[in-house]
Amino acid sequence: GGLVQPGGFLRLSCAASGIFFSRNYMGWY
């Protein structure tokens, strides 16, 4: 996350642990 100007871009990442990741539904809210 961060501050960006209108028209710009960002890439969010979410690193998961403690779950069987490949089997799970993942979402961004």
PDB file of all heavy atoms in Angstrom:
ATOM      1  N   GLY A   1       0.817  -1.201   0.000  1.00  0.00           N
ATOM      2  CA  GLY A   1       0.000   0.000   0.000  1.00  0.00           C
ATOM      3  C   GLY A   1       0.857   1.260   0.000  1.00  0.00           C
ATOM      4  O   GLY A   1       2.078   1.201   0.120  1.00  0.00           O
ATOM      5  N   GLY A   2       0.180   2.396  -0.148  1.00  0.00           N
ATOM      6  CA  GLY A   2       0.912   3.656  -0.133  1.00  0.00           C
ATOM      7  C   GLY A   2       0.111   4.775  -0.742  1.00  0.00           C
ATOM      8  O   GLY A   2      -1.095   4.654  -0.964  1.00  0.00           O
ATOM      9  N   LEU A   3       0.806   5.871  -1.007  1.00  0.00           N
ATOM     10  CA  LEU A   3       0.203   7.059  -1.609  1.00  0.00           C
ATOM     11  C   LEU A   3       0.561   7.088  -3.091  1.00  0.00           C
ATOM     12  O   LEU A   3       1.742   6.941  -3.449  1.00  0.00           O
ATOM     13  CB  LEU A   3       0.736   8.314  -0.920  1.00  0.00           C
ATOM     14  CG  LEU A   3       0.359   9.663  -1.537  1.00  0.00           C
ATOM     15  CD1 LEU A   3      -1.148   9.884  -1.451  1.00  0.00           C
ATOM     16  CD2 LEU A   3       1.106  10.786  -0.833  1.00  0.00           C
ATOM     17  N   VAL A   4      -0.437   7.278  -3.925  1.00  0.00           N
ATOM     18  CA  VAL A   4      -0.222   7.310  -5.366  1.00  0.00           C
ATOM     19  C   VAL A   4      -1.123   8.379  -5.974  1.00  0.00           C
ATOM     20  O   VAL A   4      -2.208   8.654  -5.447  1.00  0.00           O
ATOM     21  CB  VAL A   4      -0.489   5.916  -5.979  1.00  0.00           C
ATOM     22  CG1 VAL A   4      -1.935   5.504  -5.792  1.00  0.00           C
ATOM     23  CG2 VAL A   4      -0.078   5.856  -7.434  1.00  0.00           C
ATOM     24  N   GLN A   5      -0.678   8.944  -7.075  1.00  0.00           N
ATOM     25  CA  GLN A   5      -1.478   9.948  -7.755  1.00  0.00           C
ATOM     26  C   GLN A   5      -2.573   9.295  -8.585  1.00  0.00           C
ATOM     27  O   GLN A   5      -2.437   8.132  -9.008  1.00  0.00           O
ATOM     28  CB  GLN A   5      -0.594  10.801  -8.656  1.00  0.00           C
ATOM     29  CG  GLN A   5       0.380  11.688  -7.905  1.00  0.00           C
ATOM     30  CD  GLN A   5       1.128  12.635  -8.825  1.00  0.00           C
ATOM     31  OE1 GLN A   5       1.189  12.432 -10.039  1.00  0.00           O
ATOM     32  NE2 GLN A   5       1.699  13.683  -8.245  1.00  0.00           N
ATOM     33  N   PRO A   6      -3.649  10.011  -8.842  1.00  0.00           N
ATOM     34  CA  PRO A   6      -4.686   9.477  -9.735  1.00  0.00           C
ATOM     35  C   PRO A   6      -4.090   9.056 -11.074  1.00  0.00           C
ATOM     36  O   PRO A   6      -3.233   9.753 -11.627  1.00  0.00           O
ATOM     37  CB  PRO A   6      -5.651  10.651  -9.893  1.00  0.00           C
ATOM     38  CG  PRO A   6      -5.482  11.437  -8.621  1.00  0.00           C
ATOM     39  CD  PRO A   6      -4.025  11.322  -8.290  1.00  0.00           C
ATOM     40  N   GLY A   7      -4.554   7.901 -11.556  1.00  0.00           N
ATOM     41  CA  GLY A   7      -4.010   7.337 -12.775  1.00  0.00           C
ATOM     42  C   GLY A   7      -2.824   6.428 -12.559  1.00  0.00           C
ATOM     43  O   GLY A   7      -2.383   5.751 -13.492  1.00  0.00           O
ATOM     44  N   GLY A   8      -2.294   6.406 -11.365  1.00  0.00           N
ATOM     45  CA  GLY A   8      -1.138   5.589 -11.046  1.00  0.00           C
ATOM     46  C   GLY A   8      -1.502   4.144 -10.764  1.00  0.00           C
ATOM     47  O   GLY A   8      -2.655   3.723 -10.951  1.00  0.00           O
ATOM     48  N   PHE A   9      -0.512   3.391 -10.294  1.00  0.00           N
ATOM     49  CA  PHE A   9      -0.738   1.976 -10.036  1.00  0.00           C
ATOM     50  C   PHE A   9      -0.010   1.542  -8.769  1.00  0.00           C
ATOM     51  O   PHE A   9       0.957   2.163  -8.326  1.00  0.00           O
ATOM     52  CB  PHE A   9      -0.270   1.124 -11.217  1.00  0.00           C
ATOM     53  CG  PHE A   9       1.206   1.223 -11.501  1.00  0.00           C
ATOM     54  CD1 PHE A   9       2.098   0.343 -10.903  1.00  0.00           C
ATOM     55  CD2 PHE A   9       1.701   2.215 -12.338  1.00  0.00           C
ATOM     56  CE1 PHE A   9       3.460   0.442 -11.143  1.00  0.00           C
ATOM     57  CE2 PHE A   9       3.063   2.312 -12.583  1.00  0.00           C
ATOM     58  CZ  PHE A   9       3.936   1.432 -11.974  1.00  0.00           C
ATOM     59  N   LEU A  10      -0.521   0.465  -8.190  1.00  0.00           N
ATOM     60  CA  LEU A  10       0.092  -0.195  -7.046  1.00  0.00           C
ATOM     61  C   LEU A  10      -0.152  -1.691  -7.180  1.00  0.00           C
ATOM     62  O   LEU A  10      -1.141  -2.106  -7.802  1.00  0.00           O
ATOM     63  CB  LEU A  10      -0.515   0.276  -5.727  1.00  0.00           C
ATOM     64  CG  LEU A  10      -0.159   1.666  -5.197  1.00  0.00           C
ATOM     65  CD1 LEU A  10      -1.030   1.992  -3.988  1.00  0.00           C
ATOM     66  CD2 LEU A  10       1.313   1.759  -4.826  1.00  0.00           C
ATOM     67  N   ARG A  11       0.714  -2.478  -6.563  1.00  0.00           N
ATOM     68  CA  ARG A  11       0.472  -3.910  -6.454  1.00  0.00           C
ATOM     69  C   ARG A  11       0.517  -4.305  -4.988  1.00  0.00           C
ATOM     70  O   ARG A  11       1.531  -4.126  -4.320  1.00  0.00           O
ATOM     71  CB  ARG A  11       1.494  -4.735  -7.253  1.00  0.00           C
ATOM     72  CG  ARG A  11       1.104  -6.206  -7.299  1.00  0.00           C
ATOM     73  CD  ARG A  11       2.014  -7.042  -8.160  1.00  0.00           C
ATOM     74  NE  ARG A  11       3.218  -7.466  -7.466  1.00  0.00           N
ATOM     75  CZ  ARG A  11       3.910  -8.564  -7.754  1.00  0.00           C
ATOM     76  NH1 ARG A  11       3.499  -9.361  -8.731  1.00  0.00           N
ATOM     77  NH2 ARG A  11       5.014  -8.858  -7.103  1.00  0.00           N
ATOM     78  N   LEU A  12      -0.601  -4.842  -4.537  1.00  0.00           N
ATOM     79  CA  LEU A  12      -0.678  -5.347  -3.169  1.00  0.00           C
ATOM     80  C   LEU A  12      -0.326  -6.832  -3.153  1.00  0.00           C
ATOM     81  O   LEU A  12      -0.647  -7.563  -4.086  1.00  0.00           O
ATOM     82  CB  LEU A  12      -2.080  -5.152  -2.597  1.00  0.00           C
ATOM     83  CG  LEU A  12      -2.658  -3.738  -2.631  1.00  0.00           C
ATOM     84  CD1 LEU A  12      -4.027  -3.725  -1.951  1.00  0.00           C
ATOM     85  CD2 LEU A  12      -1.726  -2.747  -1.979  1.00  0.00           C
ATOM     86  N   SER A  13       0.310  -7.231  -2.066  1.00  0.00           N
ATOM     87  CA  SER A  13       0.636  -8.639  -1.868  1.00  0.00           C
ATOM     88  C   SER A  13       0.085  -9.093  -0.518  1.00  0.00           C
ATOM     89  O   SER A  13       0.012  -8.310   0.416  1.00  0.00           O
ATOM     90  CB  SER A  13       2.154  -8.855  -1.878  1.00  0.00           C
ATOM     91  OG  SER A  13       2.736  -8.458  -3.098  1.00  0.00           O
ATOM     92  N   CYS A  14      -0.278 -10.350  -0.446  1.00  0.00           N
ATOM     93  CA  CYS A  14      -0.735 -10.944   0.805  1.00  0.00           C
ATOM     94  C   CYS A  14      -0.082 -12.307   0.942  1.00  0.00           C
ATOM     95  O   CYS A  14      -0.370 -13.217   0.162  1.00  0.00           O
ATOM     96  CB  CYS A  14      -2.246 -11.080   0.816  1.00  0.00           C
ATOM     97  SG  CYS A  14      -2.886 -12.034   2.216  1.00  0.00           S
ATOM     98  N   ALA A  15       0.818 -12.408   1.906  1.00  0.00           N
ATOM     99  CA  ALA A  15       1.512 -13.668   2.174  1.00  0.00           C
ATOM    100  C   ALA A  15       0.756 -14.429   3.258  1.00  0.00           C
ATOM    101  O   ALA A  15       0.521 -13.894   4.344  1.00  0.00           O
ATOM    102  CB  ALA A  15       2.948 -13.402   2.611  1.00  0.00           C
ATOM    103  N   ALA A  16       0.401 -15.662   2.952  1.00  0.00           N
ATOM    104  CA  ALA A  16      -0.396 -16.472   3.875  1.00  0.00           C
ATOM    105  C   ALA A  16       0.433 -17.585   4.489  1.00  0.00           C
ATOM    106  O   ALA A  16       1.321 -18.145   3.843  1.00  0.00           O
ATOM    107  CB  ALA A  16      -1.588 -17.071   3.136  1.00  0.00           C
ATOM    108  N   SER A  17       0.123 -17.894   5.732  1.00  0.00           N
ATOM    109  CA  SER A  17       0.734 -19.034   6.409  1.00  0.00           C
ATOM    110  C   SER A  17      -0.299 -19.664   7.331  1.00  0.00           C
ATOM    111  O   SER A  17      -1.262 -19.009   7.733  1.00  0.00           O
ATOM    112  CB  SER A  17       1.973 -18.604   7.199  1.00  0.00           C
ATOM    113  OG  SER A  17       1.636 -17.645   8.174  1.00  0.00           O
ATOM    114  N   GLY A  18      -0.096 -20.935   7.622  1.00  0.00           N
ATOM    115  CA  GLY A  18      -1.004 -21.627   8.524  1.00  0.00           C
ATOM    116  C   GLY A  18      -2.263 -22.162   7.867  1.00  0.00           C
ATOM    117  O   GLY A  18      -3.155 -22.657   8.566  1.00  0.00           O
ATOM    118  N   ILE A  19      -2.365 -22.053   6.539  1.00  0.00           N
ATOM    119  CA  ILE A  19      -3.512 -22.596   5.814  1.00  0.00           C
ATOM    120  C   ILE A  19      -3.001 -23.398   4.625  1.00  0.00           C
ATOM    121  O   ILE A  19      -1.857 -23.225   4.198  1.00  0.00           O
ATOM    122  CB  ILE A  19      -4.472 -21.497   5.308  1.00  0.00           C
ATOM    123  CG1 ILE A  19      -3.760 -20.531   4.355  1.00  0.00           C
ATOM    124  CG2 ILE A  19      -5.102 -20.774   6.481  1.00  0.00           C
ATOM    125  CD1 ILE A  19      -4.688 -19.515   3.711  1.00  0.00           C
ATOM    126  N   PHE A  20      -3.881 -24.254   4.103  1.00  0.00           N
ATOM    127  CA  PHE A  20      -3.541 -25.007   2.900  1.00  0.00           C
ATOM    128  C   PHE A  20      -3.869 -24.087   1.728  1.00  0.00           C
ATOM    129  O   PHE A  20      -4.936 -24.190   1.114  1.00  0.00           O
ATOM    130  CB  PHE A  20      -4.342 -26.300   2.828  1.00  0.00           C
ATOM    131  CG  PHE A  20      -3.704 -27.345   1.962  1.00  0.00           C
ATOM    132  CD1 PHE A  20      -3.539 -28.648   2.418  1.00  0.00           C
ATOM    133  CD2 PHE A  20      -3.273 -27.058   0.679  1.00  0.00           C
ATOM    134  CE1 PHE A  20      -2.949 -29.618   1.622  1.00  0.00           C
ATOM    135  CE2 PHE A  20      -2.689 -28.010  -0.134  1.00  0.00           C
ATOM    136  CZ  PHE A  20      -2.523 -29.300   0.355  1.00  0.00           C
ATOM    137  N   PHE A  21      -2.937 -23.210   1.410  1.00  0.00           N
ATOM    138  CA  PHE A  21      -3.194 -22.059   0.546  1.00  0.00           C
ATOM    139  C   PHE A  21      -3.796 -22.449  -0.796  1.00  0.00           C
ATOM    140  O   PHE A  21      -4.762 -21.849  -1.244  1.00  0.00           O
ATOM    141  CB  PHE A  21      -1.892 -21.289   0.327  1.00  0.00           C
ATOM    142  CG  PHE A  21      -2.041 -20.064  -0.538  1.00  0.00           C
ATOM    143  CD1 PHE A  21      -2.488 -18.875   0.010  1.00  0.00           C
ATOM    144  CD2 PHE A  21      -1.748 -20.103  -1.891  1.00  0.00           C
ATOM    145  CE1 PHE A  21      -2.635 -17.744  -0.775  1.00  0.00           C
ATOM    146  CE2 PHE A  21      -1.890 -18.989  -2.689  1.00  0.00           C
ATOM    147  CZ  PHE A  21      -2.339 -17.804  -2.128  1.00  0.00           C
ATOM    148  N   SER A  22      -3.231 -23.446  -1.450  1.00  0.00           N
ATOM    149  CA  SER A  22      -3.641 -23.756  -2.819  1.00  0.00           C
ATOM    150  C   SER A  22      -5.087 -24.210  -2.906  1.00  0.00           C
ATOM    151  O   SER A  22      -5.680 -24.192  -3.983  1.00  0.00           O
ATOM    152  CB  SER A  22      -2.716 -24.807  -3.421  1.00  0.00           C
ATOM    153  OG  SER A  22      -2.828 -26.024  -2.709  1.00  0.00           O
ATOM    154  N   ARG A  23      -5.668 -24.624  -1.804  1.00  0.00           N
ATOM    155  CA  ARG A  23      -7.043 -25.118  -1.813  1.00  0.00           C
ATOM    156  C   ARG A  23      -8.064 -24.043  -1.468  1.00  0.00           C
ATOM    157  O   ARG A  23      -9.268 -24.316  -1.480  1.00  0.00           O
ATOM    158  CB  ARG A  23      -7.200 -26.272  -0.815  1.00  0.00           C
ATOM    159  CG  ARG A  23      -6.446 -27.523  -1.174  1.00  0.00           C
ATOM    160  CD  ARG A  23      -6.724 -28.618  -0.153  1.00  0.00           C
ATOM    161  NE  ARG A  23      -6.041 -29.863  -0.463  1.00  0.00           N
ATOM    162  CZ  ARG A  23      -6.095 -30.961   0.283  1.00  0.00           C
ATOM    163  NH1 ARG A  23      -6.800 -30.962   1.403  1.00  0.00           N
ATOM    164  NH2 ARG A  23      -5.441 -32.052  -0.071  1.00  0.00           N
ATOM    165  N   ASN A  24      -7.572 -22.863  -1.129  1.00  0.00           N
ATOM    166  CA  ASN A  24      -8.478 -21.892  -0.525  1.00  0.00           C
ATOM    167  C   ASN A  24      -8.892 -20.737  -1.420  1.00  0.00           C
ATOM    168  O   ASN A  24      -8.148 -20.266  -2.277  1.00  0.00           O
ATOM    169  CB  ASN A  24      -7.839 -21.323   0.738  1.00  0.00           C
ATOM    170  CG  ASN A  24      -7.743 -22.359   1.812  1.00  0.00           C
ATOM    171  OD1 ASN A  24      -8.709 -23.043   2.124  1.00  0.00           O
ATOM    172  ND2 ASN A  24      -6.564 -22.519   2.379  1.00  0.00           N
ATOM    173  N   TYR A  25     -10.104 -20.295  -1.151  1.00  0.00           N
ATOM    174  CA  TYR A  25     -10.626 -19.059  -1.704  1.00  0.00           C
ATOM    175  C   TYR A  25      -9.876 -17.902  -1.058  1.00  0.00           C
ATOM    176  O   TYR A  25      -9.720 -17.862   0.153  1.00  0.00           O
ATOM    177  CB  TYR A  25     -12.126 -18.986  -1.385  1.00  0.00           C
ATOM    178  CG  TYR A  25     -12.786 -17.644  -1.582  1.00  0.00           C
ATOM    179  CD1 TYR A  25     -13.547 -17.399  -2.711  1.00  0.00           C
ATOM    180  CD2 TYR A  25     -12.697 -16.647  -0.624  1.00  0.00           C
ATOM    181  CE1 TYR A  25     -14.204 -16.187  -2.884  1.00  0.00           C
ATOM    182  CE2 TYR A  25     -13.333 -15.436  -0.785  1.00  0.00           C
ATOM    183  CZ  TYR A  25     -14.094 -15.212  -1.917  1.00  0.00           C
ATOM    184  OH  TYR A  25     -14.725 -14.009  -2.084  1.00  0.00           O
ATOM    185  N   MET A  26      -9.420 -16.964  -1.871  1.00  0.00           N
ATOM    186  CA  MET A  26      -8.725 -15.782  -1.371  1.00  0.00           C
ATOM    187  C   MET A  26      -9.396 -14.540  -1.937  1.00  0.00           C
ATOM    188  O   MET A  26      -9.846 -14.538  -3.085  1.00  0.00           O
ATOM    189  CB  MET A  26      -7.251 -15.798  -1.801  1.00  0.00           C
ATOM    190  CG  MET A  26      -6.452 -17.002  -1.329  1.00  0.00           C
ATOM    191  SD  MET A  26      -6.266 -17.061   0.459  1.00  0.00           S
ATOM    192  CE  MET A  26      -5.325 -15.562   0.762  1.00  0.00           C
ATOM    193  N   GLY A  27      -9.413 -13.491  -1.150  1.00  0.00           N
ATOM    194  CA  GLY A  27     -10.053 -12.280  -1.620  1.00  0.00           C
ATOM    195  C   GLY A  27      -9.382 -11.027  -1.110  1.00  0.00           C
ATOM    196  O   GLY A  27      -8.618 -11.073  -0.146  1.00  0.00           O
ATOM    197  N   TRP A  28      -9.674  -9.936  -1.780  1.00  0.00           N
ATOM    198  CA  TRP A  28      -9.280  -8.600  -1.334  1.00  0.00           C
ATOM    199  C   TRP A  28     -10.558  -7.807  -1.087  1.00  0.00           C
ATOM    200  O   TRP A  28     -11.452  -7.770  -1.945  1.00  0.00           O
ATOM    201  CB  TRP A  28      -8.431  -7.895  -2.384  1.00  0.00           C
ATOM    202  CG  TRP A  28      -7.034  -8.401  -2.485  1.00  0.00           C
ATOM    203  CD1 TRP A  28      -6.554  -9.302  -3.384  1.00  0.00           C
ATOM    204  CD2 TRP A  28      -5.932  -8.029  -1.646  1.00  0.00           C
ATOM    205  NE1 TRP A  28      -5.214  -9.525  -3.158  1.00  0.00           N
ATOM    206  CE2 TRP A  28      -4.808  -8.750  -2.107  1.00  0.00           C
ATOM    207  CE3 TRP A  28      -5.772  -7.153  -0.574  1.00  0.00           C
ATOM    208  CZ2 TRP A  28      -3.549  -8.627  -1.507  1.00  0.00           C
ATOM    209  CZ3 TRP A  28      -4.527  -7.032   0.011  1.00  0.00           C
ATOM    210  CH2 TRP A  28      -3.429  -7.758  -0.452  1.00  0.00           C
ATOM    211  N   TYR A  29     -10.633  -7.185   0.073  1.00  0.00           N
ATOM    212  CA  TYR A  29     -11.736  -6.309   0.438  1.00  0.00           C
ATOM    213  C   TYR A  29     -11.144  -4.942   0.751  1.00  0.00           C
ATOM    214  O   TYR A  29      -9.944  -4.803   0.986  1.00  0.00           O
ATOM    215  CB  TYR A  29     -12.463  -6.853   1.672  1.00  0.00           C
ATOM    216  CG  TYR A  29     -13.270  -8.097   1.417  1.00  0.00           C
ATOM    217  CD1 TYR A  29     -12.666  -9.326   1.182  1.00  0.00           C
ATOM    218  CD2 TYR A  29     -14.666  -8.058   1.421  1.00  0.00           C
ATOM    219  CE1 TYR A  29     -13.411 -10.465   0.944  1.00  0.00           C
ATOM    220  CE2 TYR A  29     -15.426  -9.198   1.190  1.00  0.00           C
ATOM    221  CZ  TYR A  29     -14.787 -10.388   0.952  1.00  0.00           C
ATOM    222  OH  TYR A  29     -15.533 -11.523   0.724  1.00  0.00           O
TER     223      TYR A  29
END
